PDB file of N, CA and C in Angstrom:
ATOM      1  N   MET A   1     105.470 124.698 110.802  1.00  0.00           N
ATOM      2  CA  MET A   1     106.135 125.793 110.237  1.00  0.00           C
ATOM      3  C   MET A   1     106.683 125.401 108.803  1.00  0.00           C
ATOM      4  N   ILE A   2     106.391 126.265 107.844  1.00  0.00           N
ATOM      5  CA  ILE A   2     106.885 126.021 106.523  1.00  0.00           C
ATOM      6  C   ILE A   2     108.213 126.729 106.349  1.00  0.00           C
ATOM      7  N   ASN A   3     109.205 125.941 105.950  1.00  0.00           N
ATOM      8  CA  ASN A   3     110.549 126.483 105.666  1.00  0.00           C
ATOM      9  C   ASN A   3     111.021 125.987 104.315  1.00  0.00           C
ATOM     10  N   ARG A   4     112.185 126.474 103.879  1.00  0.00           N
ATOM     11  CA  ARG A   4     112.707 126.145 102.584  1.00  0.00           C
ATOM     12  C   ARG A   4     112.872 124.643 102.404  1.00  0.00           C
ATOM     13  N   LYS A   5     113.304 123.947 103.409  1.00  0.00           N
ATOM     14  CA  LYS A   5     113.508 122.495 103.324  1.00  0.00           C
ATOM     15  C   LYS A   5     112.176 121.794 103.104  1.00  0.00           C
ATOM     16  N   SER A   6     111.144 122.203 103.899  1.00  0.00           N
ATOM     17  CA  SER A   6     109.799 121.595 103.741  1.00  0.00           C
ATOM     18  C   SER A   6     109.243 121.839 102.386  1.00  0.00           C
ATOM     19  N   VAL A   7     109.429 123.057 101.825  1.00  0.00           N
ATOM     20  CA  VAL A   7     108.861 123.382 100.534  1.00  0.00           C
ATOM     21  C   VAL A   7     109.595 122.501  99.466  1.00  0.00           C
ATOM     22  N   PHE A   8     110.916 122.397  99.589  1.00  0.00           N
ATOM     23  CA  PHE A   8     111.656 121.594  98.627  1.00  0.00           C
ATOM     24  C   PHE A   8     111.270 120.124  98.697  1.00  0.00           C
ATOM     25  N   GLN A   9     111.048 119.566  99.927  1.00  0.00           N
ATOM     26  CA  GLN A   9     110.591 118.197 100.054  1.00  0.00           C
ATOM     27  C   GLN A   9     109.199 118.022  99.427  1.00  0.00           C
ATOM     28  N   LEU A  10     108.344 119.006  99.554  1.00  0.00           N
ATOM     29  CA  LEU A  10     106.995 118.956  98.944  1.00  0.00           C
ATOM     30  C   LEU A  10     107.137 118.994  97.465  1.00  0.00           C
ATOM     31  N   TYR A  11     108.038 119.807  96.931  1.00  0.00           N
ATOM     32  CA  TYR A  11     108.267 119.887  95.520  1.00  0.00           C
ATOM     33  C   TYR A  11     108.737 118.565  94.937  1.00  0.00           C
ATOM     34  N   ILE A  12     109.706 117.962  95.581  1.00  0.00           N
ATOM     35  CA  ILE A  12     110.236 116.677  95.153  1.00  0.00           C
ATOM     36  C   ILE A  12     109.204 115.577  95.239  1.00  0.00           C
ATOM     37  N   THR A  13     108.390 115.559  96.254  1.00  0.00           N
ATOM     38  CA  THR A  13     107.270 114.577  96.396  1.00  0.00           C
ATOM     39  C   THR A  13     106.255 114.743  95.296  1.00  0.00           C
ATOM     40  N   ALA A  14     105.854 115.993  95.026  1.00  0.00           N
ATOM     41  CA  ALA A  14     104.873 116.255  94.009  1.00  0.00           C
ATOM     42  C   ALA A  14     105.412 115.864  92.633  1.00  0.00           C
ATOM     43  N   LYS A  15     106.697 116.193  92.417  1.00  0.00           N
ATOM     44  CA  LYS A  15     107.266 115.896  91.085  1.00  0.00           C
ATOM     45  C   LYS A  15     107.419 114.349  90.892  1.00  0.00           C
ATOM     46  N   THR A  16     107.818 113.690  91.996  1.00  0.00           N
ATOM     47  CA  THR A  16     107.997 112.199  91.903  1.00  0.00           C
ATOM     48  C   THR A  16     106.675 111.475  91.712  1.00  0.00           C
ATOM     49  N   THR A  17     105.619 111.960  92.341  1.00  0.00           N
ATOM     50  CA  THR A  17     104.357 111.297  92.315  1.00  0.00           C
ATOM     51  C   THR A  17     103.366 111.896  91.276  1.00  0.00           C
ATOM     52  N   SER A  18     103.855 112.854  90.449  1.00  0.00           N
ATOM     53  CA  SER A  18     103.083 113.508  89.431  1.00  0.00           C
ATOM     54  C   SER A  18     101.822 114.084  90.057  1.00  0.00           C
ATOM     55  N   SER A  19     102.016 114.773  91.167  1.00  0.00           N
ATOM     56  CA  SER A  19     100.849 115.425  91.883  1.00  0.00           C
ATOM     57  C   SER A  19     101.103 116.929  91.990  1.00  0.00           C
ATOM     58  N   ARG A  20      99.994 117.593  92.269  1.00  0.00           N
ATOM     59  CA  ARG A  20     100.112 119.057  92.518  1.00  0.00           C
ATOM     60  C   ARG A  20     100.433 119.202  94.009  1.00  0.00           C
ATOM     61  N   PRO A  21     101.376 120.101  94.369  1.00  0.00           N
ATOM     62  CA  PRO A  21     101.678 120.334  95.748  1.00  0.00           C
ATOM     63  C   PRO A  21     100.377 120.672  96.562  1.00  0.00           C
ATOM     64  N   SER A  22      99.520 121.457  95.997  1.00  0.00           N
ATOM     65  CA  SER A  22      98.310 121.848  96.692  1.00  0.00           C
ATOM     66  C   SER A  22      97.338 120.669  96.964  1.00  0.00           C
ATOM     67  N   ASP A  23      97.388 119.648  96.092  1.00  0.00           N
ATOM     68  CA  ASP A  23      96.628 118.462  96.378  1.00  0.00           C
ATOM     69  C   ASP A  23      97.193 117.642  97.541  1.00  0.00           C
ATOM     70  N   LEU A  24      98.568 117.627  97.613  1.00  0.00           N
ATOM     71  CA  LEU A  24      99.200 116.882  98.689  1.00  0.00           C
ATOM     72  C   LEU A  24      98.863 117.437 100.061  1.00  0.00           C
ATOM     73  N   VAL A  25      98.718 118.778 100.107  1.00  0.00           N
ATOM     74  CA  VAL A  25      98.420 119.417 101.412  1.00  0.00           C
ATOM     75  C   VAL A  25      96.948 119.778 101.492  1.00  0.00           C
ATOM     76  N   GLU A  26      96.143 119.326 100.530  1.00  0.00           N
ATOM     77  CA  GLU A  26      94.669 119.460 100.544  1.00  0.00           C
ATOM     78  C   GLU A  26      94.195 120.865 100.593  1.00  0.00           C
ATOM     79  N   ILE A  27      94.658 121.695  99.715  1.00  0.00           N
ATOM     80  CA  ILE A  27      94.129 123.076  99.580  1.00  0.00           C
ATOM     81  C   ILE A  27      92.912 122.958  98.670  1.00  0.00           C
ATOM     82  N   LYS A  28      91.770 123.365  99.160  1.00  0.00           N
ATOM     83  CA  LYS A  28      90.510 123.202  98.400  1.00  0.00           C
ATOM     84  C   LYS A  28      90.215 124.379  97.479  1.00  0.00           C
ATOM     85  N   ASP A  29      90.523 125.607  97.900  1.00  0.00           N
ATOM     86  CA  ASP A  29      90.262 126.770  97.090  1.00  0.00           C
ATOM     87  C   ASP A  29      91.164 126.711  95.892  1.00  0.00           C
ATOM     88  N   ARG A  30      90.674 126.666  94.638  1.00  0.00           N
ATOM     89  CA  ARG A  30      91.485 126.439  93.457  1.00  0.00           C
ATOM     90  C   ARG A  30      92.371 127.613  93.148  1.00  0.00           C
ATOM     91  N   TRP A  31      92.023 128.817  93.426  1.00  0.00           N
ATOM     92  CA  TRP A  31      92.852 129.999  93.215  1.00  0.00           C
ATOM     93  C   TRP A  31      94.053 129.941  94.193  1.00  0.00           C
ATOM     94  N   ALA A  32      93.764 129.673  95.432  1.00  0.00           N
ATOM     95  CA  ALA A  32      94.830 129.606  96.454  1.00  0.00           C
ATOM     96  C   ALA A  32      95.762 128.424  96.107  1.00  0.00           C
ATOM     97  N   ALA A  33      95.110 127.334  95.621  1.00  0.00           N
ATOM     98  CA  ALA A  33      95.919 126.134  95.211  1.00  0.00           C
ATOM     99  C   ALA A  33      96.907 126.487  94.091  1.00  0.00           C
ATOM    100  N   LEU A  34      96.406 127.208  93.128  1.00  0.00           N
ATOM    101  CA  LEU A  34      97.283 127.614  91.998  1.00  0.00           C
ATOM    102  C   LEU A  34      98.437 128.465  92.491  1.00  0.00           C
ATOM    103  N   GLN A  35      98.135 129.440  93.324  1.00  0.00           N
ATOM    104  CA  GLN A  35      99.208 130.309  93.868  1.00  0.00           C
ATOM    105  C   GLN A  35     100.199 129.517  94.695  1.00  0.00           C
ATOM    106  N   PHE A  36      99.722 128.551  95.469  1.00  0.00           N
ATOM    107  CA  PHE A  36     100.599 127.703  96.274  1.00  0.00           C
ATOM    108  C   PHE A  36     101.459 126.841  95.383  1.00  0.00           C
ATOM    109  N   ASP A  37     100.900 126.219  94.371  1.00  0.00           N
ATOM    110  CA  ASP A  37     101.609 125.428  93.409  1.00  0.00           C
ATOM    111  C   ASP A  37     102.706 126.185  92.712  1.00  0.00           C
ATOM    112  N   ASN A  38     102.372 127.426  92.322  1.00  0.00           N
ATOM    113  CA  ASN A  38     103.373 128.281  91.642  1.00  0.00           C
ATOM    114  C   ASN A  38     104.514 128.619  92.587  1.00  0.00           C
ATOM    115  N   ALA A  39     104.252 128.893  93.837  1.00  0.00           N
ATOM    116  CA  ALA A  39     105.283 129.285  94.803  1.00  0.00           C
ATOM    117  C   ALA A  39     106.192 128.017  95.034  1.00  0.00           C
ATOM    118  N   VAL A  40     105.576 126.893  95.282  1.00  0.00           N
ATOM    119  CA  VAL A  40     106.350 125.657  95.563  1.00  0.00           C
ATOM    120  C   VAL A  40     107.250 125.303  94.360  1.00  0.00           C
ATOM    121  N   CYS A  41     106.675 125.396  93.184  1.00  0.00           N
ATOM    122  CA  CYS A  41     107.469 125.046  91.969  1.00  0.00           C
ATOM    123  C   CYS A  41     108.546 126.066  91.670  1.00  0.00           C
ATOM    124  N   MET A  42     108.313 127.315  91.897  1.00  0.00           N
ATOM    125  CA  MET A  42     109.387 128.380  91.754  1.00  0.00           C
ATOM    126  C   MET A  42     110.547 128.085  92.657  1.00  0.00           C
ATOM    127  N   ILE A  43     110.284 127.825  93.923  1.00  0.00           N
ATOM    128  CA  ILE A  43     111.331 127.546  94.884  1.00  0.00           C
ATOM    129  C   ILE A  43     112.032 126.215  94.525  1.00  0.00           C
ATOM    130  N   GLY A  44     111.258 125.191  94.224  1.00  0.00           N
ATOM    131  CA  GLY A  44     111.823 123.913  93.891  1.00  0.00           C
ATOM    132  C   GLY A  44     112.754 123.955  92.651  1.00  0.00           C
ATOM    133  N   ILE A  45     112.309 124.632  91.587  1.00  0.00           N
ATOM    134  CA  ILE A  45     113.084 124.739  90.393  1.00  0.00           C
ATOM    135  C   ILE A  45     114.359 125.556  90.639  1.00  0.00           C
ATOM    136  N   ALA A  46     114.235 126.608  91.434  1.00  0.00           N
ATOM    137  CA  ALA A  46     115.476 127.401  91.747  1.00  0.00           C
ATOM    138  C   ALA A  46     116.495 126.637  92.522  1.00  0.00           C
ATOM    139  N   ILE A  47     115.997 125.865  93.486  1.00  0.00           N
ATOM    140  CA  ILE A  47     116.973 125.012  94.312  1.00  0.00           C
ATOM    141  C   ILE A  47     117.510 123.915  93.427  1.00  0.00           C
ATOM    142  N   GLU A  48     116.707 123.279  92.625  1.00  0.00           N
ATOM    143  CA  GLU A  48     117.179 122.219  91.748  1.00  0.00           C
ATOM    144  C   GLU A  48     118.265 122.723  90.750  1.00  0.00           C
ATOM    145  N   GLY A  49     118.006 123.868  90.187  1.00  0.00           N
ATOM    146  CA  GLY A  49     118.942 124.486  89.259  1.00  0.00           C
ATOM    147  C   GLY A  49     120.244 124.831  89.933  1.00  0.00           C
ATOM    148  N   ALA A  50     120.148 125.492  91.077  1.00  0.00           N
ATOM    149  CA  ALA A  50     121.335 125.874  91.775  1.00  0.00           C
ATOM    150  C   ALA A  50     122.174 124.682  92.231  1.00  0.00           C
ATOM    151  N   ALA A  51     121.490 123.577  92.563  1.00  0.00           N
ATOM    152  CA  ALA A  51     122.157 122.349  93.034  1.00  0.00           C
ATOM    153  C   ALA A  51     123.002 121.757  91.921  1.00  0.00           C
ATOM    154  N   GLN A  52     122.704 122.064  90.678  1.00  0.00           N
ATOM    155  CA  GLN A  52     123.430 121.533  89.560  1.00  0.00           C
ATOM    156  C   GLN A  52     124.577 122.421  89.029  1.00  0.00           C
ATOM    157  N   GLU A  53     124.586 123.658  89.567  1.00  0.00           N
ATOM    158  CA  GLU A  53     125.609 124.606  89.106  1.00  0.00           C
ATOM    159  C   GLU A  53     127.017 124.127  89.451  1.00  0.00           C
ATOM    160  N   GLN A  54     127.938 124.253  88.573  1.00  0.00           N
ATOM    161  CA  GLN A  54     129.333 123.898  88.843  1.00  0.00           C
ATOM    162  C   GLN A  54     130.250 125.056  88.538  1.00  0.00           C
ATOM    163  N   GLU A  55     131.410 125.010  89.123  1.00  0.00           N
ATOM    164  CA  GLU A  55     132.473 126.029  88.826  1.00  0.00           C
ATOM    165  C   GLU A  55     133.821 125.282  88.661  1.00  0.00           C
ATOM    166  N   ASN A  56     134.629 125.885  87.812  1.00  0.00           N
ATOM    167  CA  ASN A  56     135.939 125.299  87.527  1.00  0.00           C
ATOM    168  C   ASN A  56     136.894 125.771  88.670  1.00  0.00           C
ATOM    169  N   THR A  57     137.372 124.818  89.413  1.00  0.00           N
ATOM    170  CA  THR A  57     138.370 125.126  90.483  1.00  0.00           C
ATOM    171  C   THR A  57     139.813 124.770  90.035  1.00  0.00           C
ATOM    172  N   GLY A  58     139.933 124.283  88.806  1.00  0.00           N
ATOM    173  CA  GLY A  58     141.244 123.965  88.259  1.00  0.00           C
ATOM    174  C   GLY A  58     141.712 125.056  87.270  1.00  0.00           C
ATOM    175  N   SER A  59     142.530 124.719  86.360  1.00  0.00           N
ATOM    176  CA  SER A  59     143.006 125.680  85.417  1.00  0.00           C
ATOM    177  C   SER A  59     142.251 125.551  84.101  1.00  0.00           C
ATOM    178  N   ASP A  60     142.557 126.416  83.186  1.00  0.00           N
ATOM    179  CA  ASP A  60     141.846 126.385  81.868  1.00  0.00           C
ATOM    180  C   ASP A  60     142.236 125.056  81.124  1.00  0.00           C
ATOM    181  N   ASP A  61     143.521 124.657  81.211  1.00  0.00           N
ATOM    182  CA  ASP A  61     143.997 123.450  80.477  1.00  0.00           C
ATOM    183  C   ASP A  61     143.622 122.194  81.219  1.00  0.00           C
ATOM    184  N   LYS A  62     143.443 122.264  82.557  1.00  0.00           N
ATOM    185  CA  LYS A  62     143.034 121.063  83.322  1.00  0.00           C
ATOM    186  C   LYS A  62     141.893 121.446  84.284  1.00  0.00           C
ATOM    187  N   PRO A  63     140.722 121.530  83.712  1.00  0.00           N
ATOM    188  CA  PRO A  63     139.592 121.917  84.549  1.00  0.00           C
ATOM    189  C   PRO A  63     139.210 120.906  85.596  1.00  0.00           C
ATOM    190  N   VAL A  64     138.825 121.369  86.740  1.00  0.00           N
ATOM    191  CA  VAL A  64     138.305 120.508  87.819  1.00  0.00           C
ATOM    192  C   VAL A  64     136.978 121.101  88.203  1.00  0.00           C
ATOM    193  N   TRP A  65     135.920 120.440  87.839  1.00  0.00           N
ATOM    194  CA  TRP A  65     134.558 120.927  88.068  1.00  0.00           C
ATOM    195  C   TRP A  65     133.979 120.499  89.416  1.00  0.00           C
ATOM    196  N   LYS A  66     133.634 121.425  90.235  1.00  0.00           N
ATOM    197  CA  LYS A  66     133.016 121.122  91.523  1.00  0.00           C
ATOM    198  C   LYS A  66     131.691 121.777  91.611  1.00  0.00           C
ATOM    199  N   LEU A  67     130.823 121.206  92.446  1.00  0.00           N
ATOM    200  CA  LEU A  67     129.524 121.834  92.652  1.00  0.00           C
ATOM    201  C   LEU A  67     129.695 123.200  93.323  1.00  0.00           C
ATOM    202  N   LYS A  68     128.935 124.153  92.838  1.00  0.00           N
ATOM    203  CA  LYS A  68     129.050 125.561  93.401  1.00  0.00           C
ATOM    204  C   LYS A  68     128.430 125.680  94.789  1.00  0.00           C
ATOM    205  N   TYR A  69     127.326 124.971  94.995  1.00  0.00           N
ATOM    206  CA  TYR A  69     126.632 125.056  96.249  1.00  0.00           C
ATOM    207  C   TYR A  69     126.345 123.646  96.835  1.00  0.00           C
ATOM    208  N   THR A  70     126.334 123.525  98.141  1.00  0.00           N
ATOM    209  CA  THR A  70     125.883 122.316  98.740  1.00  0.00           C
ATOM    210  C   THR A  70     124.397 122.353  98.995  1.00  0.00           C
ATOM    211  N   MET A  71     123.766 121.212  99.172  1.00  0.00           N
ATOM    212  CA  MET A  71     122.327 121.133  99.488  1.00  0.00           C
ATOM    213  C   MET A  71     122.134 121.826 100.845  1.00  0.00           C
ATOM    214  N   GLN A  72     123.032 121.642 101.773  1.00  0.00           N
ATOM    215  CA  GLN A  72     122.951 122.284 103.052  1.00  0.00           C
ATOM    216  C   GLN A  72     122.864 123.793 102.944  1.00  0.00           C
ATOM    217  N   GLN A  73     123.704 124.343 102.027  1.00  0.00           N
ATOM    218  CA  GLN A  73     123.638 125.778 101.798  1.00  0.00           C
ATOM    219  C   GLN A  73     122.251 126.199 101.238  1.00  0.00           C
ATOM    220  N   LEU A  74     121.856 125.436 100.219  1.00  0.00           N
ATOM    221  CA  LEU A  74     120.648 125.816  99.523  1.00  0.00           C
ATOM    222  C   LEU A  74     119.393 125.775 100.360  1.00  0.00           C
ATOM    223  N   LEU A  75     119.426 124.829 101.349  1.00  0.00           N
ATOM    224  CA  LEU A  75     118.237 124.701 102.216  1.00  0.00           C
ATOM    225  C   LEU A  75     118.346 125.530 103.525  1.00  0.00           C
ATOM    226  N   ASP A  76     119.444 126.154 103.707  1.00  0.00           N
ATOM    227  CA  ASP A  76     119.609 127.062 104.896  1.00  0.00           C
ATOM    228  C   ASP A  76     118.720 128.313 104.700  1.00  0.00           C
ATOM    229  N   PRO A  77     117.846 128.646 105.604  1.00  0.00           N
ATOM    230  CA  PRO A  77     116.975 129.779 105.441  1.00  0.00           C
ATOM    231  C   PRO A  77     117.701 131.100 105.340  1.00  0.00           C
ATOM    232  N   GLU A  78     118.942 131.179 105.801  1.00  0.00           N
ATOM    233  CA  GLU A  78     119.697 132.437 105.710  1.00  0.00           C
ATOM    234  C   GLU A  78     120.450 132.578 104.420  1.00  0.00           C
ATOM    235  N   PHE A  79     120.575 131.488 103.684  1.00  0.00           N
ATOM    236  CA  PHE A  79     121.410 131.528 102.430  1.00  0.00           C
ATOM    237  C   PHE A  79     120.590 132.170 101.271  1.00  0.00           C
ATOM    238  N   LYS A  80     121.313 133.013 100.555  1.00  0.00           N
ATOM    239  CA  LYS A  80     120.654 133.645  99.375  1.00  0.00           C
ATOM    240  C   LYS A  80     121.579 133.473  98.181  1.00  0.00           C
ATOM    241  N   LEU A  81     120.972 133.101  97.079  1.00  0.00           N
ATOM    242  CA  LEU A  81     121.732 132.938  95.833  1.00  0.00           C
ATOM    243  C   LEU A  81     122.184 134.283  95.354  1.00  0.00           C
ATOM    244  N   PRO A  82     123.370 134.417  94.921  1.00  0.00           N
ATOM    245  CA  PRO A  82     123.846 135.728  94.387  1.00  0.00           C
ATOM    246  C   PRO A  82     123.109 136.044  93.084  1.00  0.00           C
ATOM    247  N   THR A  83     122.906 137.323  92.818  1.00  0.00           N
ATOM    248  CA  THR A  83     122.249 137.765  91.608  1.00  0.00           C
ATOM    249  C   THR A  83     123.323 138.395  90.734  1.00  0.00           C
ATOM    250  N   GLU A  84     123.411 137.993  89.485  1.00  0.00           N
ATOM    251  CA  GLU A  84     124.410 138.498  88.562  1.00  0.00           C
ATOM    252  C   GLU A  84     123.858 139.719  87.860  1.00  0.00           C
ATOM    253  N   ASP A  85     122.552 139.749  87.620  1.00  0.00           N
ATOM    254  CA  ASP A  85     121.940 140.889  86.906  1.00  0.00           C
ATOM    255  C   ASP A  85     121.165 141.748  87.927  1.00  0.00           C
ATOM    256  N   SER A  86     121.521 143.008  88.003  1.00  0.00           N
ATOM    257  CA  SER A  86     120.644 143.870  88.851  1.00  0.00           C
ATOM    258  C   SER A  86     120.015 144.841  87.903  1.00  0.00           C
ATOM    259  N   TRP A  87     118.694 144.712  87.753  1.00  0.00           N
ATOM    260  CA  TRP A  87     117.935 145.544  86.869  1.00  0.00           C
ATOM    261  C   TRP A  87     117.344 146.708  87.599  1.00  0.00           C
ATOM    262  N   GLY A  88     117.772 147.876  87.257  1.00  0.00           N
ATOM    263  CA  GLY A  88     117.222 149.091  87.833  1.00  0.00           C
ATOM    264  C   GLY A  88     116.201 149.681  86.823  1.00  0.00           C
ATOM    265  N   ILE A  89     115.624 150.790  87.225  1.00  0.00           N
ATOM    266  CA  ILE A  89     114.595 151.398  86.371  1.00  0.00           C
ATOM    267  C   ILE A  89     115.199 151.877  85.048  1.00  0.00           C
ATOM    268  N   GLU A  90     116.442 152.290  85.080  1.00  0.00           N
ATOM    269  CA  GLU A  90     117.106 152.809  83.856  1.00  0.00           C
ATOM    270  C   GLU A  90     117.288 151.686  82.810  1.00  0.00           C
ATOM    271  N   GLU A  91     117.587 150.477  83.259  1.00  0.00           N
ATOM    272  CA  GLU A  91     117.731 149.344  82.338  1.00  0.00           C
ATOM    273  C   GLU A  91     116.369 148.989  81.772  1.00  0.00           C
ATOM    274  N   ILE A  92     115.319 149.006  82.646  1.00  0.00           N
ATOM    275  CA  ILE A  92     113.997 148.643  82.169  1.00  0.00           C
ATOM    276  C   ILE A  92     113.491 149.647  81.139  1.00  0.00           C
ATOM    277  N   LYS A  93     113.778 150.967  81.358  1.00  0.00           N
ATOM    278  CA  LYS A  93     113.352 152.018  80.422  1.00  0.00           C
ATOM    279  C   LYS A  93     113.856 151.765  78.986  1.00  0.00           C
ATOM    280  N   ILE A  94     115.058 151.233  78.844  1.00  0.00           N
ATOM    281  CA  ILE A  94     115.649 151.125  77.528  1.00  0.00           C
ATOM    282  C   ILE A  94     115.565 149.673  76.969  1.00  0.00           C
ATOM    283  N   THR A  95     114.878 148.779  77.664  1.00  0.00           N
ATOM    284  CA  THR A  95     114.775 147.409  77.173  1.00  0.00           C
ATOM    285  C   THR A  95     113.764 147.357  76.038  1.00  0.00           C
ATOM    286  N   GLU A  96     114.125 146.774  74.862  1.00  0.00           N
ATOM    287  CA  GLU A  96     113.297 146.686  73.756  1.00  0.00           C
ATOM    288  C   GLU A  96     112.070 145.807  74.046  1.00  0.00           C
ATOM    289  N   GLY A  97     110.918 146.228  73.668  1.00  0.00           N
ATOM    290  CA  GLY A  97     109.715 145.508  73.882  1.00  0.00           C
ATOM    291  C   GLY A  97     108.976 145.846  75.158  1.00  0.00           C
ATOM    292  N   ILE A  98     109.621 146.663  76.003  1.00  0.00           N
ATOM    293  CA  ILE A  98     108.915 147.112  77.266  1.00  0.00           C
ATOM    294  C   ILE A  98     108.437 148.523  77.100  1.00  0.00           C
ATOM    295  N   ILE A  99     107.181 148.752  77.416  1.00  0.00           N
ATOM    296  CA  ILE A  99     106.673 150.107  77.383  1.00  0.00           C
ATOM    297  C   ILE A  99     106.722 150.649  78.782  1.00  0.00           C
ATOM    298  N   TYR A 100     107.394 151.767  78.912  1.00  0.00           N
ATOM    299  CA  TYR A 100     107.551 152.404  80.225  1.00  0.00           C
ATOM    300  C   TYR A 100     106.707 153.696  80.246  1.00  0.00           C
ATOM    301  N   ASP A 101     105.930 153.861  81.230  1.00  0.00           N
ATOM    302  CA  ASP A 101     105.063 155.018  81.347  1.00  0.00           C
ATOM    303  C   ASP A 101     105.118 155.542  82.740  1.00  0.00           C
ATOM    304  N   GLU A 102     105.449 156.795  82.901  1.00  0.00           N
ATOM    305  CA  GLU A 102     105.542 157.446  84.258  1.00  0.00           C
ATOM    306  C   GLU A 102     104.239 158.060  84.567  1.00  0.00           C
ATOM    307  N   VAL A 103     103.747 157.867  85.737  1.00  0.00           N
ATOM    308  CA  VAL A 103     102.509 158.480  86.220  1.00  0.00           C
ATOM    309  C   VAL A 103     102.862 159.449  87.363  1.00  0.00           C
ATOM    310  N   ASN A 104     102.442 160.677  87.170  1.00  0.00           N
ATOM    311  CA  ASN A 104     102.738 161.697  88.235  1.00  0.00           C
ATOM    312  C   ASN A 104     101.592 161.914  89.116  1.00  0.00           C
TER     313      ASN A 104
END
């Protein structure tokens, strides 16, 4: 069974050994391998980034920086990172550089 912990371990192994995750699990179809590599890297980078996030638990004049998440939290299949930006269709319609077209 593939779970978040297994995917993260595969990501770390691939990164450490300079290998593609798809090569480590012997995916032969190159298109499937690319999609697999993208998924493993996306999850790995997200977990790695979140594992480094810190928050100030002290005061402004005496900051005490603590990790925001534990690795146990990040690898728990039920845990979800909070999203600060919620983009709805209205935000997308007014974003510069995006062409929005409605099809009826």
